[in-house]
Amino acid sequence: MPNPLDAAAVRAWCGLALEALGRERERIDAINVYPVADGDTGTNLYLTLESAARAVEAAFDGHASAGTAPGLADAIGAMAHGALIGARGNSGTIVAQLLRGMTEVLAADAATADAGRAAEALRRALRRAAASTYEAVAHPVEGTVLTVATAAADAAERAAGTGGAAEVARAAHEGARSALRATPGQLAVLGRAGVVDAGGCGLVALLGALADALSGETSATPVAVRADAPLPEAAGCEAATRAAADGCHNPDGPAFEVIYLLEAGDDAVARLRTRLDGLGDSLVVVGGDGLWNVHVHVDDAGAAVEAGIEAGRPYRIRITHFGGATRVKEPAMAARAVVAVVPGAGLAGLCSEVGATPVAVRPGEPPASGELVQAIRQAHAREVMLLPNDPELRHTAAAAAEQARTEGVRVALIPTRSAVQGIAALAVHEPGRSFDEDVVAMTSAAGATRYAELAVAERQSWTMAGVCQAGDVLGLIDGDVAVIGSDLTVTATTVLDRMLSAGGEMVTLVLGAQAPPSLAERLERHVHERHLAVDTVVYDGGQHGAPLLIGVE
């Protein structure tokens, strides 16, 4: 059943868009050849939408604390603002402007409960979005995301009057997909590489997420990265990138990408556009109402920043060399380090004791990719193993790893799905061996560790083990509910017995802040009595979510 175009739909759109870009990120990075074949468009779009999604969640949280609900104008405005302040790269900056253009229409016509009026508002919003992207780019080029945005608006206009907002969004998505397939014939650099426009790929994913959010139906169709068919294999994408880079990269082009937020008036920004246009290319300036995001490719990065200082107050300045990000030389750079996301202070202390850099989080407050990048920087190492320790962080961690690589750090993402898998990986970490050997050993140790978690049900719901009631103790094994009980210790012993029935040599118990004092002792005794030759180790995790984490190696 279609959903109304309201704040909840914007929230759902953000979540679906972030998920879609997480799936497509590597494929989009791999075909990134224009305007520079630097292989980061997918990552930049993901980071931009991540900032937008966090801003929308903050808006909902702010209204909830005030006892109110956000309206459409609040939600779409937060999304656009979040994208503006977090925009990365050329494509991310353009998408931020596209969202701002949509906001100009939807915020002004926020009463869209009527289906016909909502469809008309969305049609006009998509048209304004497409027009605003051309306004933001100093020298628009066809065969890029700009062309795809215009085709989406054209398709939405043709669908007006034939249905509600969901139908308009779906038509826009289909129009964008068709336009994307045609981009290699419009832009020579794409045609030589045999790929479609990377920024356009991101926009197609974004519009697909919007159509899914409004229709209530998830399609999750992969975005075609070639004009004729998808490239399902990463190796194929990498080959396309190499061919594009070899045949299309201009070594005489600008050496630096400069991005910053700028507080300035309209007149000062107009003068800034003129000056930056004379310094380099790929100029995109988006924003308004005193806050702007400036993006340009130049040879003289200092001059680009100085121009911003003359125009107003630049901040969050980022300068990236197209051969790798510029970095301040660190006097004591370590050879290798580990960065681990952990759910409590106890595990954070454990990580610190063994030399790892912890990122401690609370339940319901997952870290953003920027926080993980900052932790990688703080590790001050040339090589870093990143342990997300949560399946929900796989896209966030992948984006952080990709960003850190652009700064010259060799990052390996160890696919840990639980803190106990992270502990197992840390146990075999040896900085003295080769990086690749260490990655293999840590990955193998994590993969050989089954994980479980005990939680308390907050409401009645259906699970893999049956119906649970509020207050029931749930035993989750490898992410699925396997046991429903009423007593924490009894449920924990049942979970342990099930896990050890398949064998095991070591049991790891991580106690949460709410765990009973006697829980560890009783479980250790149970393992000793029922499972001979199985060792047990106990850690005080201090996490406030799960009262107990279990690992079996």
Protein backbone atom coordinates (compact mmCIF):
# COMPACT_ATOMS: atom_id res chain seq x y z
CA MET A 1 0.00 0.00 0.00
CA PRO A 2 1.45 3.41 -0.95
CA ASN A 3 2.71 5.65 1.83
CA PRO A 4 1.90 9.36 2.12
CA LEU A 5 4.54 11.93 1.28
CA ASP A 6 5.29 13.01 4.86
CA ALA A 7 8.09 13.15 7.42
CA ALA A 8 7.98 9.38 7.96
CA ALA A 9 8.46 8.85 4.23
CA VAL A 10 11.52 11.11 4.23
CA ARG A 11 12.93 9.15 7.16
CA ALA A 12 12.32 5.87 5.34
CA TRP A 13 13.84 7.35 2.18
CA CYS A 14 17.04 8.20 4.05
CA GLY A 15 17.34 4.70 5.45
CA LEU A 16 16.68 2.98 2.13
CA ALA A 17 19.00 5.34 0.27
CA LEU A 18 21.82 4.71 2.71
CA GLU A 19 21.28 0.97 2.39
CA ALA A 20 21.21 1.15 -1.41
CA LEU A 21 24.37 3.26 -1.63
CA GLY A 22 26.05 0.91 0.82
CA ARG A 23 25.31 -1.98 -1.56
CA GLU A 24 26.38 -0.03 -4.65
CA ARG A 25 29.32 1.90 -3.19
CA GLU A 26 32.14 -0.30 -4.45
CA ARG A 27 30.61 -0.73 -7.91
CA ILE A 28 30.13 3.02 -8.28
CA ASP A 29 33.67 3.71 -7.05
CA ALA A 30 34.98 1.24 -9.62
CA ILE A 31 33.47 3.08 -12.63
CA ASN A 32 34.32 6.60 -11.45
CA VAL A 33 36.12 8.18 -14.44
CA TYR A 34 34.66 11.69 -14.66
CA PRO A 35 35.64 14.40 -13.88
CA VAL A 36 38.63 12.59 -12.27
CA ALA A 37 39.22 8.84 -12.24
CA ASP A 38 39.90 8.78 -8.50
CA GLY A 39 37.51 5.94 -7.62
CA ASP A 40 35.61 7.59 -4.77
CA THR A 41 32.21 8.69 -6.10
CA GLY A 42 30.31 5.85 -4.43
CA THR A 43 32.04 6.47 -1.12
CA ASN A 44 31.42 10.21 -1.34
CA LEU A 45 27.72 9.71 -2.06
CA TYR A 46 27.41 7.26 0.83
CA LEU A 47 29.07 9.71 3.24
CA THR A 48 26.84 12.55 2.00
CA LEU A 49 23.64 10.53 2.53
CA GLU A 50 24.92 9.29 5.87
CA SER A 51 25.15 12.91 7.04
CA ALA A 52 21.65 13.57 5.66
CA ALA A 53 20.19 10.52 7.45
CA ARG A 54 21.75 11.48 10.77
CA ALA A 55 20.30 14.99 10.47
CA VAL A 56 16.82 13.56 9.89
CA GLU A 57 17.15 11.28 12.92
CA ALA A 58 18.27 14.27 14.99
CA ALA A 59 15.17 16.17 13.84
CA PHE A 60 12.91 13.32 14.91
CA ASP A 61 14.71 13.05 18.26
CA GLY A 62 14.37 16.79 18.84
CA HIS A 63 10.64 16.75 18.19
CA ALA A 64 10.18 13.63 20.34
CA SER A 65 11.85 15.31 23.31
CA ALA A 66 9.46 18.25 22.86
CA GLY A 67 6.45 15.94 22.63
CA THR A 68 5.74 16.83 19.00
CA ALA A 69 6.11 15.18 15.61
CA PRO A 70 8.12 16.64 12.71
CA GLY A 71 6.32 17.76 9.58
CA LEU A 72 7.37 17.19 6.00
CA ALA A 73 9.12 20.57 5.87
CA ASP A 74 11.12 19.73 9.01
CA ALA A 75 12.22 16.34 7.72
CA ILE A 76 13.10 17.26 4.13
CA GLY A 77 14.80 20.43 5.39
CA ALA A 78 16.91 18.40 7.81
CA MET A 79 17.82 15.96 5.04
CA ALA A 80 18.95 18.76 2.74
CA HIS A 81 20.88 20.53 5.50
CA GLY A 82 22.58 17.32 6.60
CA ALA A 83 23.62 16.61 3.01
CA LEU A 84 24.92 20.17 2.63
CA ILE A 85 27.18 20.11 5.68
CA GLY A 86 28.35 16.56 4.99
CA ALA A 87 28.67 16.70 1.18
CA ARG A 88 31.75 14.95 -0.16
CA GLY A 89 33.23 15.25 -3.62
CA ASN A 90 31.73 16.63 -6.78
CA SER A 91 28.78 14.21 -6.87
CA GLY A 92 27.94 14.54 -3.18
CA THR A 93 27.87 18.31 -3.49
CA ILE A 94 25.53 18.12 -6.49
CA VAL A 95 23.20 15.72 -4.66
CA ALA A 96 23.13 18.13 -1.72
CA GLN A 97 21.95 20.86 -4.09
CA LEU A 98 19.39 18.51 -5.62
CA LEU A 99 17.91 17.87 -2.16
CA ARG A 100 17.91 21.59 -1.45
CA GLY A 101 15.95 22.17 -4.65
CA MET A 102 13.37 19.59 -3.60
CA THR A 103 13.13 21.24 -0.20
CA GLU A 104 12.32 24.62 -1.73
CA VAL A 105 9.13 23.14 -3.18
CA LEU A 106 8.10 20.56 -0.58
CA ALA A 107 8.69 22.84 2.41
CA ALA A 108 6.54 25.52 0.78
CA ASP A 109 3.78 23.02 0.01
CA ALA A 110 4.02 20.81 3.08
CA ALA A 111 0.31 19.98 3.34
CA THR A 112 0.46 17.03 0.98
CA ALA A 113 -2.03 14.68 2.59
CA ASP A 114 -4.14 14.78 -0.55
CA ALA A 115 -2.73 12.21 -2.99
CA GLY A 116 -3.16 14.37 -6.08
CA ARG A 117 -1.58 17.38 -4.45
CA ALA A 118 1.32 15.28 -3.15
CA ALA A 119 2.02 13.93 -6.63
CA GLU A 120 1.99 17.42 -8.11
CA ALA A 121 4.27 18.72 -5.33
CA LEU A 122 6.76 15.91 -5.92
CA ARG A 123 6.72 16.52 -9.67
CA ARG A 124 7.51 20.20 -9.14
CA ALA A 125 10.13 19.33 -6.52
CA LEU A 126 11.98 17.04 -8.92
CA ARG A 127 11.86 19.71 -11.64
CA ARG A 128 13.24 22.33 -9.25
CA ALA A 129 15.90 19.87 -8.08
CA ALA A 130 17.13 19.27 -11.63
CA ALA A 131 17.21 22.99 -12.42
CA SER A 132 19.08 23.81 -9.22
CA THR A 133 21.90 21.39 -10.05
CA TYR A 134 22.60 23.28 -13.28
CA GLU A 135 22.66 26.52 -11.32
CA ALA A 136 25.24 25.12 -8.91
CA VAL A 137 27.72 23.84 -11.51
CA ALA A 138 29.93 26.44 -13.15
CA HIS A 139 30.18 24.59 -16.48
CA PRO A 140 27.44 21.94 -16.84
CA VAL A 141 28.32 18.86 -18.89
CA GLU A 142 25.75 16.53 -20.44
CA GLY A 143 26.05 12.80 -19.91
CA THR A 144 26.49 13.33 -16.17
CA VAL A 145 24.27 13.30 -13.09
CA LEU A 146 22.79 16.59 -14.34
CA THR A 147 21.37 14.85 -17.42
CA VAL A 148 20.03 12.01 -15.30
CA ALA A 149 18.31 14.46 -12.93
CA THR A 150 16.65 16.25 -15.84
CA ALA A 151 15.42 12.97 -17.34
CA ALA A 152 13.95 12.00 -13.96
CA ALA A 153 12.08 15.30 -13.81
CA ASP A 154 10.82 14.86 -17.38
CA ALA A 155 9.52 11.35 -16.59
CA ALA A 156 7.87 12.59 -13.39
CA GLU A 157 6.12 15.30 -15.35
CA ARG A 158 4.75 12.79 -17.84
CA ALA A 159 3.40 10.72 -14.93
CA ALA A 160 1.61 13.66 -13.30
CA GLY A 161 -2.13 13.11 -13.09
CA THR A 162 -1.86 9.32 -13.50
CA GLY A 163 -1.49 8.44 -9.83
CA GLY A 164 -0.08 9.50 -6.49
CA ALA A 165 3.40 10.43 -5.33
CA ALA A 166 4.54 6.80 -5.43
CA GLU A 167 3.77 6.57 -9.14
CA VAL A 168 5.56 9.85 -9.82
CA ALA A 169 8.62 8.66 -7.90
CA ARG A 170 8.66 5.33 -9.73
CA ALA A 171 8.38 7.09 -13.08
CA ALA A 172 11.25 9.40 -12.13
CA HIS A 173 13.36 6.39 -11.18
CA GLU A 174 12.67 4.64 -14.47
CA GLY A 175 13.38 7.82 -16.40
CA ALA A 176 16.68 8.21 -14.59
CA ARG A 177 17.63 4.60 -15.32
CA SER A 178 16.98 5.07 -19.03
CA ALA A 179 19.00 8.29 -19.09
CA LEU A 180 21.86 6.66 -17.22
CA ARG A 181 22.15 3.93 -19.84
CA ALA A 182 22.56 6.61 -22.51
CA THR A 183 25.37 8.54 -20.78
CA PRO A 184 28.26 6.68 -22.51
CA GLY A 185 26.99 8.03 -25.83
CA GLN A 186 26.89 11.59 -24.50
CA LEU A 187 30.26 11.87 -22.78
CA ALA A 188 33.33 10.58 -24.63
CA VAL A 189 35.29 9.64 -21.51
CA LEU A 190 32.48 7.30 -20.48
CA GLY A 191 32.18 5.81 -23.95
CA ARG A 192 35.91 5.00 -24.06
CA ALA A 193 35.72 3.30 -20.68
CA GLY A 194 32.50 1.48 -21.55
CA VAL A 195 30.76 2.59 -18.35
CA VAL A 196 27.92 4.88 -17.34
CA ASP A 197 28.28 8.03 -15.24
CA ALA A 198 29.14 7.22 -11.62
CA GLY A 199 27.28 10.20 -10.18
CA GLY A 200 24.24 9.27 -12.24
CA CYS A 201 24.42 5.76 -10.77
CA GLY A 202 24.17 7.26 -7.32
CA LEU A 203 21.17 9.37 -8.28
CA VAL A 204 19.40 6.33 -9.74
CA ALA A 205 19.95 4.50 -6.43
CA LEU A 206 18.65 7.54 -4.54
CA LEU A 207 15.50 7.81 -6.66
CA GLY A 208 14.92 4.07 -6.41
CA ALA A 209 14.98 4.41 -2.64
CA LEU A 210 12.46 7.26 -2.82
CA ALA A 211 10.12 5.15 -4.97
CA ASP A 212 10.45 2.24 -2.53
CA ALA A 213 9.78 4.50 0.48
CA LEU A 214 6.59 5.88 -1.08
CA SER A 215 5.31 2.64 -2.59
CA GLY A 216 6.06 0.46 0.41
CA GLU A 217 7.65 -2.07 -1.94
CA THR A 218 11.40 -2.70 -1.87
CA SER A 219 12.90 -3.47 -5.26
CA ALA A 220 16.66 -3.37 -4.45
CA THR A 221 17.46 -3.65 -8.17
CA PRO A 222 21.22 -3.26 -8.82
CA VAL A 223 22.14 -0.16 -10.80
CA ALA A 224 23.54 -1.03 -14.24
CA VAL A 225 27.09 0.28 -14.51
CA ARG A 226 27.43 -0.41 -18.24
CA ALA A 227 25.26 0.85 -21.04
CA ASP A 228 24.34 -2.67 -22.10
CA ALA A 229 24.24 -4.73 -18.88
CA PRO A 230 25.25 -4.74 -15.20
CA LEU A 231 28.79 -5.66 -14.22
CA PRO A 232 28.19 -8.19 -11.43
CA GLU A 233 31.83 -8.99 -10.81
CA ALA A 234 34.06 -6.59 -8.90
CA ALA A 235 36.97 -7.66 -11.10
CA GLY A 236 35.10 -6.41 -14.15
CA CYS A 237 34.54 -3.05 -12.49
CA GLU A 238 38.20 -2.80 -11.57
CA ALA A 239 39.20 -3.61 -15.14
CA ALA A 240 36.91 -0.86 -16.41
CA THR A 241 38.44 1.58 -13.97
CA ARG A 242 41.98 0.70 -15.02
CA ALA A 243 41.08 1.12 -18.69
CA ALA A 244 39.42 4.46 -17.97
CA ALA A 245 42.31 5.69 -15.87
CA ASP A 246 44.84 4.64 -18.51
CA GLY A 247 42.93 6.12 -21.40
CA CYS A 248 41.16 9.12 -19.93
CA HIS A 249 43.07 10.53 -16.99
CA ASN A 250 44.60 13.91 -17.69
CA PRO A 251 47.98 14.18 -15.91
CA ASP A 252 48.01 17.90 -16.65
CA GLY A 253 44.70 18.45 -14.84
CA PRO A 254 44.39 20.13 -11.43
CA ALA A 255 46.31 18.42 -8.63
CA PHE A 256 43.97 19.11 -5.70
CA GLU A 257 40.34 18.83 -4.71
CA VAL A 258 39.34 21.57 -2.24
CA ILE A 259 36.10 21.42 -0.27
CA TYR A 260 34.89 23.63 2.55
CA LEU A 261 31.77 24.97 4.19
CA LEU A 262 31.43 28.72 3.94
CA GLU A 263 29.40 31.29 5.85
CA ALA A 264 28.91 34.18 3.46
CA GLY A 265 26.32 36.37 1.79
CA ASP A 266 24.98 35.93 -1.74
CA ASP A 267 27.02 38.78 -3.23
CA ALA A 268 30.28 37.50 -1.76
CA VAL A 269 29.55 34.00 -3.07
CA ALA A 270 28.90 35.36 -6.56
CA ARG A 271 32.35 36.96 -6.52
CA LEU A 272 33.83 33.75 -5.12
CA ARG A 273 32.39 31.70 -7.98
CA THR A 274 34.07 33.98 -10.51
CA ARG A 275 37.44 33.80 -8.77
CA LEU A 276 37.42 30.04 -8.25
CA ASP A 277 36.31 29.49 -11.85
CA GLY A 278 39.52 31.21 -12.91
CA LEU A 279 41.64 29.05 -10.58
CA GLY A 280 40.50 25.58 -11.65
CA ASP A 281 37.61 23.42 -12.80
CA SER A 282 34.81 21.13 -11.54
CA LEU A 283 33.48 24.11 -9.59
CA VAL A 284 30.29 23.43 -7.67
CA VAL A 285 28.92 25.86 -5.08
CA VAL A 286 25.69 24.85 -3.36
CA GLY A 287 23.61 26.14 -0.49
CA GLY A 288 22.00 29.43 0.44
CA ASP A 289 20.70 31.43 3.39
CA GLY A 290 24.25 32.21 4.45
CA LEU A 291 25.67 28.66 4.41
CA TRP A 292 27.39 27.16 1.36
CA ASN A 293 29.38 24.09 0.40
CA VAL A 294 32.24 24.89 -1.98
CA HIS A 295 33.93 22.28 -4.20
CA VAL A 296 36.66 22.91 -6.78
CA HIS A 297 39.64 21.20 -8.43
CA VAL A 298 42.74 23.44 -8.50
CA ASP A 299 46.53 23.40 -8.68
CA ASP A 300 46.86 26.09 -6.00
CA ALA A 301 44.89 24.83 -3.00
CA GLY A 302 46.04 27.76 -0.87
CA ALA A 303 44.58 30.27 -3.31
CA ALA A 304 41.22 28.45 -3.25
CA VAL A 305 41.10 28.63 0.53
CA GLU A 306 42.22 32.27 0.54
CA ALA A 307 39.36 33.08 -1.83
CA GLY A 308 36.98 31.58 0.69
CA ILE A 309 38.48 33.67 3.50
CA GLU A 310 37.93 36.81 1.46
CA ALA A 311 34.30 35.82 0.83
CA GLY A 312 33.39 34.90 4.40
CA ARG A 313 34.25 32.27 7.01
CA PRO A 314 35.38 28.93 5.57
CA TYR A 315 35.60 25.91 7.86
CA ARG A 316 35.75 22.11 7.66
CA ILE A 317 38.37 22.64 4.99
CA ARG A 318 39.46 19.47 3.21
CA ILE A 319 42.26 19.37 0.66
CA THR A 320 42.87 16.11 -1.21
CA HIS A 321 45.69 15.45 -3.65
CA PHE A 322 44.54 13.30 -6.55
CA GLY A 323 47.48 11.00 -5.88
CA GLY A 324 46.31 10.64 -2.24
CA ALA A 325 45.11 12.99 0.48
CA THR A 326 47.53 15.56 1.86
CA ARG A 327 48.62 14.68 5.35
CA VAL A 328 50.58 16.26 8.15
CA LYS A 329 53.73 14.26 8.73
CA GLU A 330 53.47 12.30 11.98
CA PRO A 331 56.74 12.06 13.91
CA ALA A 332 55.92 8.67 15.45
CA MET A 333 53.88 6.71 12.92
CA ALA A 334 53.39 3.11 14.01
CA ALA A 335 53.64 0.27 11.53
CA ARG A 336 50.27 -1.33 12.34
CA ALA A 337 47.27 -0.82 14.61
CA VAL A 338 43.80 -2.18 15.31
CA VAL A 339 40.63 -0.07 15.60
CA ALA A 340 37.65 -1.84 17.18
CA VAL A 341 34.05 -0.77 17.74
CA VAL A 342 32.95 -2.00 21.18
CA PRO A 343 29.60 -1.77 23.02
CA GLY A 344 30.86 -0.73 26.46
CA ALA A 345 33.57 0.84 28.60
CA GLY A 346 34.84 -2.51 29.86
CA LEU A 347 35.64 -3.80 26.38
CA ALA A 348 37.06 -0.40 25.48
CA GLY A 349 39.49 -0.78 28.36
CA LEU A 350 40.35 -4.30 27.26
CA CYS A 351 41.11 -3.08 23.73
CA SER A 352 43.32 -0.30 25.08
CA GLU A 353 45.24 -2.78 27.24
CA VAL A 354 46.22 -4.83 24.20
CA GLY A 355 47.13 -1.74 22.18
CA ALA A 356 43.99 -1.37 20.06
CA THR A 357 42.12 1.91 19.53
CA PRO A 358 38.52 1.46 20.78
CA VAL A 359 35.40 3.24 19.55
CA ALA A 360 32.93 2.79 22.42
CA VAL A 361 29.24 3.13 21.54
CA ARG A 362 25.95 2.95 23.38
CA PRO A 363 22.90 0.94 22.22
CA GLY A 364 20.98 2.71 19.49
CA GLU A 365 23.83 5.16 18.84
CA PRO A 366 25.95 3.58 16.09
CA PRO A 367 29.06 5.50 15.07
CA ALA A 368 29.13 7.43 11.82
CA SER A 369 31.81 6.63 9.28
CA GLY A 370 33.48 9.94 10.15
CA GLU A 371 33.99 8.77 13.74
CA LEU A 372 35.64 5.59 12.49
CA VAL A 373 37.88 7.56 10.14
CA GLN A 374 38.90 9.78 13.05
CA ALA A 375 39.73 6.72 15.14
CA ILE A 376 41.87 5.37 12.29
CA ARG A 377 43.70 8.68 12.16
CA GLN A 378 44.23 8.66 15.92
CA ALA A 379 45.80 5.20 15.67
CA HIS A 380 48.73 6.89 13.84
CA ALA A 381 49.60 3.78 11.85
CA ARG A 382 50.43 3.02 8.23
CA GLU A 383 48.38 -0.18 8.37
CA VAL A 384 45.12 -0.61 10.27
CA MET A 385 42.77 -3.52 10.93
CA LEU A 386 39.21 -2.25 11.42
CA LEU A 387 36.84 -4.42 13.49
CA PRO A 388 33.19 -3.22 13.22
CA ASN A 389 31.91 -5.97 15.58
CA ASP A 390 28.34 -5.46 14.38
CA PRO A 391 26.68 -6.62 11.13
CA GLU A 392 24.74 -3.35 10.92
CA LEU A 393 28.01 -1.42 10.61
CA ARG A 394 29.33 -3.21 7.54
CA HIS A 395 28.53 -0.39 5.10
CA THR A 396 29.60 2.35 7.52
CA ALA A 397 32.90 0.60 8.24
CA ALA A 398 33.51 -0.06 4.54
CA ALA A 399 33.01 3.62 3.74
CA ALA A 400 35.35 4.63 6.57
CA ALA A 401 38.00 2.21 5.36
CA GLU A 402 37.75 3.58 1.83
CA GLN A 403 38.07 7.14 3.06
CA ALA A 404 41.12 6.29 5.18
CA ARG A 405 42.76 4.65 2.18
CA THR A 406 42.53 7.95 0.29
CA GLU A 407 44.59 9.44 3.12
CA GLY A 408 47.40 6.97 2.61
CA VAL A 409 46.47 4.39 5.27
CA ARG A 410 46.31 0.72 4.32
CA VAL A 411 43.09 -0.52 5.93
CA ALA A 412 41.76 -4.07 6.15
CA LEU A 413 38.14 -4.52 7.20
CA ILE A 414 37.91 -7.66 9.36
CA PRO A 415 34.30 -8.95 9.04
CA THR A 416 33.53 -9.26 12.75
CA ARG A 417 29.79 -9.40 13.55
CA SER A 418 30.04 -9.36 17.35
CA ALA A 419 32.39 -8.10 20.05
CA VAL A 420 33.31 -11.69 20.92
CA GLN A 421 34.48 -12.25 17.34
CA GLY A 422 36.52 -9.08 17.73
CA ILE A 423 38.10 -10.47 20.90
CA ALA A 424 39.01 -13.66 19.06
CA ALA A 425 40.58 -11.65 16.24
CA LEU A 426 42.56 -9.51 18.68
CA ALA A 427 43.86 -12.62 20.41
CA VAL A 428 45.73 -13.74 17.28
CA HIS A 429 46.85 -10.28 16.12
CA GLU A 430 50.64 -10.15 15.64
CA PRO A 431 52.09 -6.86 14.34
CA GLY A 432 55.39 -8.59 13.62
CA ARG A 433 54.13 -10.70 10.72
CA SER A 434 53.14 -9.47 7.29
CA PHE A 435 49.98 -7.42 6.92
CA ASP A 436 48.28 -9.97 4.68
CA GLU A 437 49.13 -12.87 7.00
CA ASP A 438 47.77 -10.92 9.96
CA VAL A 439 44.54 -10.17 8.09
CA VAL A 440 44.08 -13.84 7.23
CA ALA A 441 44.75 -14.97 10.81
CA MET A 442 42.39 -12.41 12.36
CA THR A 443 39.65 -13.11 9.81
CA SER A 444 39.96 -16.85 10.36
CA ALA A 445 39.80 -16.49 14.14
CA ALA A 446 36.70 -14.31 13.90
CA GLY A 447 35.03 -16.68 11.45
CA ALA A 448 35.72 -19.67 13.70
CA THR A 449 33.91 -18.02 16.61
CA ARG A 450 30.17 -18.51 16.93
CA TYR A 451 28.48 -15.69 18.78
CA ALA A 452 25.38 -15.30 20.90
CA GLU A 453 23.67 -12.56 22.83
CA LEU A 454 21.06 -12.45 25.58
CA ALA A 455 18.50 -9.68 25.45
CA VAL A 456 15.22 -8.77 27.16
CA ALA A 457 12.18 -8.40 24.90
CA GLU A 458 10.63 -4.94 24.99
CA ARG A 459 7.31 -5.97 23.44
CA GLN A 460 5.36 -8.93 22.13
CA SER A 461 6.66 -10.07 18.76
CA TRP A 462 7.19 -13.02 16.44
CA THR A 463 10.64 -14.61 16.41
CA MET A 464 12.37 -17.60 14.85
CA ALA A 465 11.74 -19.44 18.13
CA GLY A 466 8.07 -18.47 18.45
CA VAL A 467 6.13 -15.63 20.02
CA CYS A 468 7.83 -13.73 22.83
CA GLN A 469 6.22 -11.44 25.40
CA ALA A 470 7.56 -8.21 26.87
CA GLY A 471 10.06 -9.09 29.59
CA ASP A 472 11.02 -12.49 28.15
CA VAL A 473 14.71 -13.34 27.96
CA LEU A 474 15.82 -13.96 24.36
CA GLY A 475 18.83 -16.02 23.41
CA LEU A 476 20.12 -15.03 19.97
CA ILE A 477 22.64 -17.32 18.27
CA ASP A 478 24.46 -15.89 15.24
CA GLY A 479 21.89 -13.10 15.09
CA ASP A 480 18.67 -15.17 15.22
CA VAL A 481 16.44 -15.80 18.25
CA ALA A 482 16.97 -19.45 19.18
CA VAL A 483 15.73 -19.59 22.80
CA ILE A 484 12.92 -17.81 24.66
CA GLY A 485 12.98 -18.05 28.44
CA SER A 486 12.00 -16.31 31.65
CA ASP A 487 15.26 -16.59 33.61
CA LEU A 488 18.56 -15.09 32.47
CA THR A 489 20.82 -17.85 33.84
CA VAL A 490 18.64 -20.73 32.63
CA THR A 491 18.35 -19.20 29.17
CA ALA A 492 22.10 -18.62 29.05
CA THR A 493 22.88 -22.26 29.94
CA THR A 494 20.47 -23.45 27.25
CA VAL A 495 22.18 -21.25 24.68
CA LEU A 496 25.61 -22.49 25.77
CA ASP A 497 24.54 -26.13 25.51
CA ARG A 498 23.19 -25.59 21.99
CA MET A 499 26.35 -23.85 20.86
CA LEU A 500 28.69 -26.42 22.42
CA SER A 501 26.71 -29.34 21.00
CA ALA A 502 28.58 -28.68 17.76
CA GLY A 503 31.93 -28.66 19.59
CA GLY A 504 34.17 -25.96 20.96
CA GLU A 505 37.37 -25.39 22.90
CA MET A 506 36.92 -21.95 24.41
CA VAL A 507 33.91 -20.07 25.77
CA THR A 508 34.09 -16.28 26.11
CA LEU A 509 31.57 -14.56 28.38
CA VAL A 510 31.20 -10.77 28.27
CA LEU A 511 29.03 -9.47 31.11
CA GLY A 512 26.83 -6.44 30.66
CA ALA A 513 26.22 -3.70 33.19
CA GLN A 514 22.87 -5.25 34.22
CA ALA A 515 24.12 -8.84 34.61
CA PRO A 516 23.54 -10.46 38.07
CA PRO A 517 26.79 -10.76 40.10
CA SER A 518 26.52 -14.56 40.26
CA LEU A 519 25.90 -15.10 36.53
CA ALA A 520 29.52 -15.63 35.47
CA GLU A 521 30.28 -18.08 38.29
CA ARG A 522 27.19 -20.18 37.58
CA LEU A 523 27.87 -20.32 33.86
CA GLU A 524 31.53 -21.21 34.37
CA ARG A 525 30.51 -24.03 36.70
CA HIS A 526 27.95 -25.27 34.19
CA VAL A 527 30.51 -25.39 31.39
CA HIS A 528 33.05 -27.16 33.63
CA GLU A 529 30.50 -29.81 34.71
CA ARG A 530 28.77 -30.45 31.39
CA HIS A 531 31.47 -29.84 28.79
CA LEU A 532 34.84 -31.36 29.64
CA ALA A 533 38.04 -29.81 28.28
CA VAL A 534 36.29 -26.53 27.40
CA ASP A 535 38.01 -23.46 28.85
CA THR A 536 36.11 -20.33 29.92
CA VAL A 537 37.23 -16.71 30.04
CA VAL A 538 35.11 -13.89 31.49
CA TYR A 539 35.27 -10.17 30.75
CA ASP A 540 33.40 -7.28 32.34
CA GLY A 541 32.07 -5.58 29.23
CA GLY A 542 30.10 -2.82 30.88
CA GLN A 543 27.71 -2.62 27.92
CA HIS A 544 24.22 -1.32 28.70
CA GLY A 545 22.34 -3.17 25.98
CA ALA A 546 22.89 -6.93 26.19
CA PRO A 547 23.33 -8.41 29.68
CA LEU A 548 25.53 -11.15 28.23
CA LEU A 549 27.58 -11.84 25.10
CA ILE A 550 28.82 -15.37 24.42
CA GLY A 551 31.52 -16.59 22.07
CA VAL A 552 32.44 -20.20 21.32
CA GLU A 553 35.69 -20.96 19.50
